[in-house]
Amino acid sequence: MQRDIEKIEELYAAFQKRDLRSMLQVLDKDIELVHSAELPWGGVYRGHEGARQVMSAAAEDLDARVVIERLIDAGDKVVAVGRTVGKTRATRLEFDVPVVHVWTFHDGLATRFESYLDNPTMLAVLGV
């Protein structure tokens, strides 16, 4: 679904600019966002308010950007393969951690987001 890949490209561009309003336009109002429970910002978040919460929680710990190396069209899903890079706020340690994001789409909006990253590496730089 080329259209969904274009939406994901828009979403990551908005994320780089910290443009939450543009990001929310790509997210269904009932989106489910899933992050590993091992991470300080981990858990399941729902809706636009949940999106705000998880982005705010991650920003408390990280000054980061996502570098997408490849987008894979998988039907109703788009898989983003890349890295999250930056510094932790508490330790100021730099990191470069592999990530995979799995986005589910319905009617042109993201309805689910699953984030997978190298938890041991991220937890080590966080000092957890």
Foldseek 3Di string as FASTA:
>chain_A
DVLLVVLVVQLLVCVVVVNLVSNLVQADQFAWEAEDPLDQLGDIATGSVSVVSSVVRVVQFWPWHWDFDDWDCDDQKIKTWTWIWGATPPQRDTDTKTKIWIFGHDPRHTRYIYIDIDVVRVCVRSVD
